[in-house]
Amino acid sequence: MTVILKDKKPIVVPDAVRRKAGVRGGEKTELRVSGRGILIAPKESSTADYPMETVTRILKEVKERPLSRRQGAPLDVALMAYGAKQAKKVGIKERDIPRLIHESRTRHRTP
């Protein structure tokens, strides 16, 4: 895909390119210069964002005190509402979901 750069205007990355690259709106991105090219990549989250002690503690709590269906139902509703809000924010439609799952699985498949 070709775009025309204009003086004193920001570079706009088309939605199709962002989707294909797996870059979403609101994500931290890293710009790297290589010769005359620019690489735009999602910035990897560091392990400081998700301390292993926290993850271990949460897993331990879930095993010790699993939620009943009655306790989990409101959490499921809240999680689905949050997911719908985030999908709307980045422009994902319900019809896009099978394609996105397929693309994600293809990217993560080992050769």
N, C-alpha and C. Protein backbone atom coordinates (compact mmCIF):
# COMPACT_ATOMS: atom_id res chain seq x y z
N MET A 1 0.85 -1.17 0.00
CA MET A 1 0.00 0.00 0.00
C MET A 1 0.90 1.23 0.00
N THR A 2 0.56 2.21 -0.79
CA THR A 2 1.35 3.44 -0.90
C THR A 2 0.54 4.61 -0.36
N VAL A 3 1.21 5.45 0.44
CA VAL A 3 0.58 6.68 0.93
C VAL A 3 1.49 7.84 0.56
N ILE A 4 0.93 9.03 0.44
CA ILE A 4 1.70 10.21 0.10
C ILE A 4 1.95 11.01 1.37
N LEU A 5 3.22 11.31 1.65
CA LEU A 5 3.58 12.12 2.81
C LEU A 5 3.44 13.59 2.45
N LYS A 6 2.87 14.34 3.36
CA LYS A 6 2.69 15.77 3.14
C LYS A 6 3.53 16.53 4.16
N ASP A 7 4.01 17.70 3.75
CA ASP A 7 4.82 18.53 4.64
C ASP A 7 4.05 18.88 5.90
N LYS A 8 4.72 18.75 7.03
CA LYS A 8 4.20 19.16 8.34
C LYS A 8 2.90 18.46 8.73
N LYS A 9 2.68 17.27 8.21
CA LYS A 9 1.50 16.49 8.57
C LYS A 9 1.96 15.16 9.15
N PRO A 10 1.24 14.62 10.12
CA PRO A 10 1.63 13.32 10.66
C PRO A 10 1.41 12.20 9.64
N ILE A 11 2.14 11.13 9.80
CA ILE A 11 1.96 9.96 8.95
C ILE A 11 0.75 9.19 9.46
N VAL A 12 -0.15 8.85 8.57
CA VAL A 12 -1.35 8.09 8.94
C VAL A 12 -1.16 6.66 8.44
N VAL A 13 -1.25 5.71 9.36
CA VAL A 13 -1.14 4.29 8.99
C VAL A 13 -2.56 3.78 8.74
N PRO A 14 -2.84 3.33 7.52
CA PRO A 14 -4.19 2.86 7.19
C PRO A 14 -4.62 1.70 8.09
N ASP A 15 -5.93 1.63 8.35
CA ASP A 15 -6.47 0.58 9.23
C ASP A 15 -6.11 -0.82 8.75
N ALA A 16 -6.17 -1.06 7.46
CA ALA A 16 -5.87 -2.39 6.93
C ALA A 16 -4.43 -2.80 7.26
N VAL A 17 -3.51 -1.85 7.18
CA VAL A 17 -2.11 -2.13 7.49
C VAL A 17 -1.95 -2.39 8.98
N ARG A 18 -2.60 -1.58 9.81
CA ARG A 18 -2.50 -1.78 11.26
C ARG A 18 -3.06 -3.13 11.67
N ARG A 19 -4.22 -3.51 11.08
CA ARG A 19 -4.82 -4.82 11.41
C ARG A 19 -3.88 -5.95 11.03
N LYS A 20 -3.33 -5.87 9.83
CA LYS A 20 -2.45 -6.94 9.34
C LYS A 20 -1.20 -7.06 10.21
N ALA A 21 -0.71 -5.92 10.72
CA ALA A 21 0.48 -5.92 11.56
C ALA A 21 0.16 -6.25 13.01
N GLY A 22 -1.12 -6.24 13.37
CA GLY A 22 -1.49 -6.53 14.75
C GLY A 22 -1.29 -5.35 15.68
N VAL A 23 -1.23 -4.14 15.14
CA VAL A 23 -1.05 -2.93 15.95
C VAL A 23 -2.43 -2.32 16.16
N ARG A 24 -2.77 -2.03 17.41
CA ARG A 24 -4.10 -1.49 17.72
C ARG A 24 -3.98 -0.06 18.22
N GLY A 25 -5.08 0.67 18.08
CA GLY A 25 -5.12 2.04 18.58
C GLY A 25 -4.94 2.06 20.09
N GLY A 26 -4.20 3.02 20.58
CA GLY A 26 -3.96 3.15 22.01
C GLY A 26 -2.78 2.34 22.50
N GLU A 27 -2.22 1.48 21.64
CA GLU A 27 -1.06 0.67 22.03
C GLU A 27 0.21 1.50 21.93
N LYS A 28 1.14 1.20 22.83
CA LYS A 28 2.46 1.81 22.71
C LYS A 28 3.15 1.17 21.51
N THR A 29 3.73 1.99 20.66
CA THR A 29 4.44 1.47 19.50
C THR A 29 5.86 1.99 19.49
N GLU A 30 6.70 1.23 18.86
CA GLU A 30 8.11 1.59 18.76
C GLU A 30 8.44 1.87 17.30
N LEU A 31 9.12 2.96 17.04
CA LEU A 31 9.55 3.30 15.68
C LEU A 31 11.06 3.08 15.59
N ARG A 32 11.48 2.32 14.58
CA ARG A 32 12.91 2.08 14.37
C ARG A 32 13.25 2.46 12.94
N VAL A 33 14.39 3.08 12.76
CA VAL A 33 14.84 3.47 11.43
C VAL A 33 15.88 2.46 10.97
N SER A 34 15.69 1.97 9.75
CA SER A 34 16.63 1.03 9.15
C SER A 34 16.91 1.50 7.74
N GLY A 35 18.06 2.14 7.55
CA GLY A 35 18.38 2.71 6.24
C GLY A 35 17.39 3.81 5.92
N ARG A 36 16.67 3.65 4.81
CA ARG A 36 15.63 4.62 4.45
C ARG A 36 14.24 4.12 4.80
N GLY A 37 14.17 3.07 5.62
CA GLY A 37 12.88 2.52 6.01
C GLY A 37 12.57 2.79 7.47
N ILE A 38 11.29 2.76 7.79
CA ILE A 38 10.83 2.95 9.16
C ILE A 38 10.04 1.71 9.54
N LEU A 39 10.41 1.09 10.66
CA LEU A 39 9.69 -0.07 11.16
C LEU A 39 8.82 0.38 12.32
N ILE A 40 7.53 0.08 12.25
CA ILE A 40 6.58 0.41 13.31
C ILE A 40 6.16 -0.91 13.94
N ALA A 41 6.43 -1.08 15.24
CA ALA A 41 6.11 -2.35 15.90
C ALA A 41 5.49 -2.09 17.25
N PRO A 42 4.57 -2.98 17.68
CA PRO A 42 4.02 -2.83 19.03
C PRO A 42 5.14 -2.97 20.05
N LYS A 43 5.12 -2.13 21.05
CA LYS A 43 6.15 -2.20 22.08
C LYS A 43 5.79 -3.36 23.00
N GLU A 44 6.74 -4.25 23.19
CA GLU A 44 6.51 -5.42 24.03
C GLU A 44 6.33 -4.99 25.47
N SER A 45 5.40 -5.63 26.17
CA SER A 45 5.23 -5.33 27.58
C SER A 45 6.36 -5.98 28.35
N SER A 46 6.85 -5.29 29.33
CA SER A 46 7.95 -5.84 30.12
C SER A 46 7.41 -6.72 31.23
N THR A 47 8.28 -7.50 31.80
CA THR A 47 7.86 -8.37 32.90
C THR A 47 7.48 -7.54 34.12
N ALA A 48 7.92 -6.27 34.16
CA ALA A 48 7.54 -5.40 35.27
C ALA A 48 6.04 -5.10 35.25
N ASP A 49 5.42 -5.17 34.05
CA ASP A 49 3.99 -4.93 33.94
C ASP A 49 3.18 -6.04 34.60
N TYR A 50 3.72 -7.24 34.59
CA TYR A 50 3.03 -8.40 35.14
C TYR A 50 3.98 -9.15 36.08
N PRO A 51 4.14 -8.70 37.32
CA PRO A 51 5.07 -9.38 38.22
C PRO A 51 4.65 -10.83 38.45
N MET A 52 5.62 -11.72 38.39
CA MET A 52 5.33 -13.15 38.53
C MET A 52 4.70 -13.47 39.88
N GLU A 53 5.08 -12.73 40.92
CA GLU A 53 4.48 -12.97 42.24
C GLU A 53 2.97 -12.73 42.21
N THR A 54 2.55 -11.71 41.50
CA THR A 54 1.13 -11.39 41.40
C THR A 54 0.39 -12.49 40.66
N VAL A 55 0.94 -12.95 39.54
CA VAL A 55 0.31 -14.00 38.77
C VAL A 55 0.22 -15.28 39.61
N THR A 56 1.30 -15.62 40.29
CA THR A 56 1.33 -16.82 41.13
C THR A 56 0.29 -16.73 42.25
N ARG A 57 0.19 -15.55 42.87
CA ARG A 57 -0.77 -15.36 43.96
C ARG A 57 -2.20 -15.53 43.46
N ILE A 58 -2.51 -14.96 42.30
CA ILE A 58 -3.87 -15.05 41.75
C ILE A 58 -4.21 -16.50 41.41
N LEU A 59 -3.29 -17.21 40.79
CA LEU A 59 -3.54 -18.62 40.46
C LEU A 59 -3.76 -19.45 41.72
N LYS A 60 -2.99 -19.17 42.76
CA LYS A 60 -3.13 -19.90 44.03
C LYS A 60 -4.51 -19.63 44.64
N GLU A 61 -4.93 -18.36 44.63
CA GLU A 61 -6.24 -18.00 45.19
C GLU A 61 -7.38 -18.69 44.43
N VAL A 62 -7.27 -18.74 43.11
CA VAL A 62 -8.31 -19.37 42.30
C VAL A 62 -8.41 -20.86 42.61
N LYS A 63 -7.26 -21.51 42.79
CA LYS A 63 -7.28 -22.94 43.10
C LYS A 63 -7.84 -23.20 44.49
N GLU A 64 -7.49 -22.33 45.44
CA GLU A 64 -7.95 -22.52 46.82
C GLU A 64 -9.44 -22.20 46.99
N ARG A 65 -9.91 -21.15 46.31
CA ARG A 65 -11.30 -20.72 46.46
C ARG A 65 -11.93 -20.47 45.10
N PRO A 66 -12.27 -21.53 44.36
CA PRO A 66 -12.89 -21.31 43.04
C PRO A 66 -14.26 -20.66 43.19
N LEU A 67 -14.63 -19.88 42.18
CA LEU A 67 -15.93 -19.21 42.21
C LEU A 67 -17.04 -20.18 41.81
N SER A 68 -18.20 -20.01 42.43
CA SER A 68 -19.38 -20.76 42.00
C SER A 68 -19.92 -20.09 40.74
N ARG A 69 -20.85 -20.77 40.08
CA ARG A 69 -21.47 -20.16 38.88
C ARG A 69 -22.16 -18.85 39.23
N ARG A 70 -22.82 -18.81 40.39
CA ARG A 70 -23.52 -17.60 40.80
C ARG A 70 -22.54 -16.45 41.03
N GLN A 71 -21.38 -16.74 41.59
CA GLN A 71 -20.39 -15.70 41.82
C GLN A 71 -19.72 -15.27 40.52
N GLY A 72 -19.55 -16.22 39.60
CA GLY A 72 -18.84 -15.92 38.36
C GLY A 72 -19.68 -15.21 37.32
N ALA A 73 -20.99 -15.38 37.37
CA ALA A 73 -21.87 -14.79 36.36
C ALA A 73 -21.73 -13.27 36.24
N PRO A 74 -21.76 -12.51 37.36
CA PRO A 74 -21.60 -11.06 37.21
C PRO A 74 -20.22 -10.67 36.66
N LEU A 75 -19.21 -11.46 36.99
CA LEU A 75 -17.87 -11.18 36.47
C LEU A 75 -17.82 -11.44 34.96
N ASP A 76 -18.51 -12.50 34.51
CA ASP A 76 -18.58 -12.77 33.08
C ASP A 76 -19.26 -11.63 32.33
N VAL A 77 -20.35 -11.12 32.90
CA VAL A 77 -21.08 -10.01 32.27
C VAL A 77 -20.18 -8.77 32.18
N ALA A 78 -19.48 -8.48 33.27
CA ALA A 78 -18.59 -7.31 33.29
C ALA A 78 -17.45 -7.49 32.28
N LEU A 79 -16.89 -8.69 32.20
CA LEU A 79 -15.81 -8.95 31.27
C LEU A 79 -16.28 -8.84 29.82
N MET A 80 -17.47 -9.35 29.52
CA MET A 80 -18.01 -9.24 28.17
C MET A 80 -18.29 -7.79 27.80
N ALA A 81 -18.79 -7.00 28.75
CA ALA A 81 -19.04 -5.58 28.49
C ALA A 81 -17.74 -4.85 28.22
N TYR A 82 -16.71 -5.17 29.00
CA TYR A 82 -15.41 -4.55 28.80
C TYR A 82 -14.85 -4.92 27.43
N GLY A 83 -14.95 -6.20 27.05
CA GLY A 83 -14.47 -6.65 25.75
C GLY A 83 -15.20 -5.96 24.61
N ALA A 84 -16.52 -5.81 24.75
CA ALA A 84 -17.31 -5.14 23.72
C ALA A 84 -16.90 -3.68 23.59
N LYS A 85 -16.64 -3.04 24.72
CA LYS A 85 -16.22 -1.63 24.71
C LYS A 85 -14.86 -1.48 24.02
N GLN A 86 -13.93 -2.38 24.33
CA GLN A 86 -12.60 -2.31 23.72
C GLN A 86 -12.68 -2.61 22.22
N ALA A 87 -13.51 -3.58 21.83
CA ALA A 87 -13.67 -3.91 20.41
C ALA A 87 -14.24 -2.72 19.65
N LYS A 88 -15.22 -2.06 20.25
CA LYS A 88 -15.81 -0.87 19.61
C LYS A 88 -14.77 0.23 19.48
N LYS A 89 -13.95 0.37 20.51
CA LYS A 89 -12.92 1.42 20.54
C LYS A 89 -11.92 1.25 19.39
N VAL A 90 -11.54 0.01 19.09
CA VAL A 90 -10.56 -0.23 18.02
C VAL A 90 -11.20 -0.57 16.69
N GLY A 91 -12.55 -0.60 16.66
CA GLY A 91 -13.25 -0.79 15.39
C GLY A 91 -13.43 -2.23 14.96
N ILE A 92 -13.44 -3.17 15.91
CA ILE A 92 -13.66 -4.57 15.56
C ILE A 92 -15.15 -4.85 15.56
N LYS A 93 -15.63 -5.40 14.47
CA LYS A 93 -17.03 -5.79 14.35
C LYS A 93 -17.15 -7.29 14.62
N GLU A 94 -18.35 -7.72 14.98
CA GLU A 94 -18.56 -9.14 15.29
C GLU A 94 -18.18 -10.03 14.11
N ARG A 95 -18.44 -9.56 12.90
CA ARG A 95 -18.12 -10.36 11.72
C ARG A 95 -16.61 -10.50 11.51
N ASP A 96 -15.79 -9.64 12.15
CA ASP A 96 -14.33 -9.70 12.02
C ASP A 96 -13.70 -10.78 12.89
N ILE A 97 -14.41 -11.25 13.90
CA ILE A 97 -13.82 -12.13 14.92
C ILE A 97 -13.25 -13.43 14.33
N PRO A 98 -13.98 -14.19 13.49
CA PRO A 98 -13.37 -15.42 12.96
C PRO A 98 -12.08 -15.15 12.18
N ARG A 99 -12.06 -14.07 11.39
CA ARG A 99 -10.85 -13.73 10.63
C ARG A 99 -9.71 -13.38 11.57
N LEU A 100 -9.99 -12.60 12.62
CA LEU A 100 -8.95 -12.21 13.57
C LEU A 100 -8.38 -13.42 14.31
N ILE A 101 -9.25 -14.35 14.66
CA ILE A 101 -8.78 -15.57 15.32
C ILE A 101 -7.89 -16.36 14.37
N HIS A 102 -8.31 -16.50 13.12
CA HIS A 102 -7.52 -17.23 12.13
C HIS A 102 -6.15 -16.56 11.94
N GLU A 103 -6.13 -15.23 11.80
CA GLU A 103 -4.86 -14.51 11.61
C GLU A 103 -3.95 -14.67 12.82
N SER A 104 -4.52 -14.60 14.02
CA SER A 104 -3.73 -14.75 15.23
C SER A 104 -3.13 -16.15 15.31
N ARG A 105 -3.93 -17.17 15.03
CA ARG A 105 -3.42 -18.54 15.07
C ARG A 105 -2.34 -18.75 14.02
N THR A 106 -2.51 -18.16 12.84
CA THR A 106 -1.51 -18.27 11.77
C THR A 106 -0.19 -17.63 12.20
N ARG A 107 -0.27 -16.44 12.84
CA ARG A 107 0.94 -15.76 13.29
C ARG A 107 1.68 -16.54 14.36
N HIS A 108 0.92 -17.20 15.23
CA HIS A 108 1.54 -17.88 16.38
C HIS A 108 1.89 -19.33 16.10
N ARG A 109 1.53 -19.83 14.92
CA ARG A 109 1.83 -21.21 14.56
C ARG A 109 3.33 -21.34 14.30
N THR A 110 3.93 -22.37 14.84
CA THR A 110 5.38 -22.58 14.63
C THR A 110 5.60 -23.33 13.33
N PRO A 111 6.64 -22.95 12.57
CA PRO A 111 6.90 -23.60 11.27
C PRO A 111 7.40 -25.03 11.43
